[in-house]
Amino acid sequence: MNATVSILAEIPEDLHESLKRYLENHPTWDQDRVFAAALSLFLLQNGNGKMPETSQTYRACARVYLESLFQYPA
């Protein structure tokens, strides 16, 4: 099952402006896709996927990251 969780987060204004400019120049991306890609990449880079109990979580993060990168509009 693929579930979606809504997150409310405050980000610095400069980061918000950069995100707005990025989305204006990349119409196939939206805010949710950017956050999913950024968060999954962060977890892949900073998580510990070497432990057996975390390998399933690592693979799930990798799947979300790759799906967000290669997602195309319907």
Protein backbone atom coordinates (compact mmCIF):
# COMPACT_ATOMS: atom_id res chain seq x y z
CA MET A 1 0.00 0.00 0.00
CA ASN A 2 1.28 3.45 -0.93
CA ALA A 3 0.18 6.08 1.60
CA THR A 4 0.67 9.84 1.54
CA VAL A 5 1.31 11.87 4.68
CA SER A 6 0.85 15.63 4.75
CA ILE A 7 3.59 17.70 6.40
CA LEU A 8 3.44 21.32 7.47
CA ALA A 9 6.91 22.84 7.72
CA GLU A 10 8.39 26.31 7.98
CA ILE A 11 11.31 27.03 5.67
CA PRO A 12 13.52 30.11 5.33
CA GLU A 13 12.16 32.77 2.99
CA ASP A 14 15.23 32.54 0.70
CA LEU A 15 14.65 28.81 0.29
CA HIS A 16 10.98 29.45 -0.47
CA GLU A 17 11.89 32.00 -3.14
CA SER A 18 14.35 29.57 -4.71
CA LEU A 19 11.71 26.85 -4.72
CA LYS A 20 9.18 29.20 -6.36
CA ARG A 21 11.68 30.12 -9.10
CA TYR A 22 12.53 26.45 -9.67
CA LEU A 23 8.87 25.50 -10.00
CA GLU A 24 8.22 28.39 -12.38
CA ASN A 25 11.01 27.11 -14.66
CA HIS A 26 10.13 23.41 -14.34
CA PRO A 27 6.39 23.03 -14.94
CA THR A 28 6.48 19.21 -14.69
CA TRP A 29 7.54 19.47 -11.03
CA ASP A 30 5.37 20.52 -8.10
CA GLN A 31 6.11 21.29 -4.47
CA ASP A 32 5.18 17.80 -3.28
CA ARG A 33 7.47 16.14 -5.82
CA VAL A 34 10.39 18.41 -4.87
CA PHE A 35 9.95 17.71 -1.16
CA ALA A 36 9.64 13.95 -1.71
CA ALA A 37 12.83 13.93 -3.80
CA ALA A 38 14.74 16.13 -1.35
CA LEU A 39 13.67 14.26 1.78
CA SER A 40 14.27 10.80 0.32
CA LEU A 41 17.72 11.84 -0.94
CA PHE A 42 18.58 13.24 2.49
CA LEU A 43 17.54 9.98 4.16
CA LEU A 44 19.50 7.92 1.63
CA GLN A 45 22.64 9.98 2.17
CA ASN A 46 22.37 10.20 5.96
CA GLY A 47 20.62 6.98 6.90
CA ASN A 48 22.31 3.75 7.74
CA GLY A 49 21.16 1.19 5.17
CA LYS A 50 23.79 -1.36 6.16
CA MET A 51 21.89 -2.79 9.13
CA PRO A 52 19.46 -5.62 8.24
CA GLU A 53 16.55 -3.99 10.07
CA THR A 54 17.00 -0.74 8.11
CA SER A 55 17.63 -2.20 4.66
CA GLN A 56 13.89 -2.34 3.88
CA THR A 57 13.53 1.32 4.86
CA TYR A 58 16.58 2.20 2.75
CA ARG A 59 15.08 0.46 -0.29
CA ALA A 60 11.76 2.25 0.28
CA CYS A 61 13.54 5.64 0.37
CA ALA A 62 15.44 4.75 -2.79
CA ARG A 63 12.20 3.79 -4.53
CA VAL A 64 10.52 7.10 -3.55
CA TYR A 65 13.58 9.06 -4.69
CA LEU A 66 13.77 7.37 -8.09
CA GLU A 67 10.02 7.57 -8.65
CA SER A 68 10.04 11.29 -7.87
CA LEU A 69 12.94 11.91 -10.27
CA PHE A 70 11.46 9.98 -13.17
CA GLN A 71 7.79 10.82 -12.64
CA TYR A 72 6.15 12.19 -15.74
CA PRO A 73 2.87 14.09 -15.90
CA ALA A 74 -0.12 11.95 -16.86
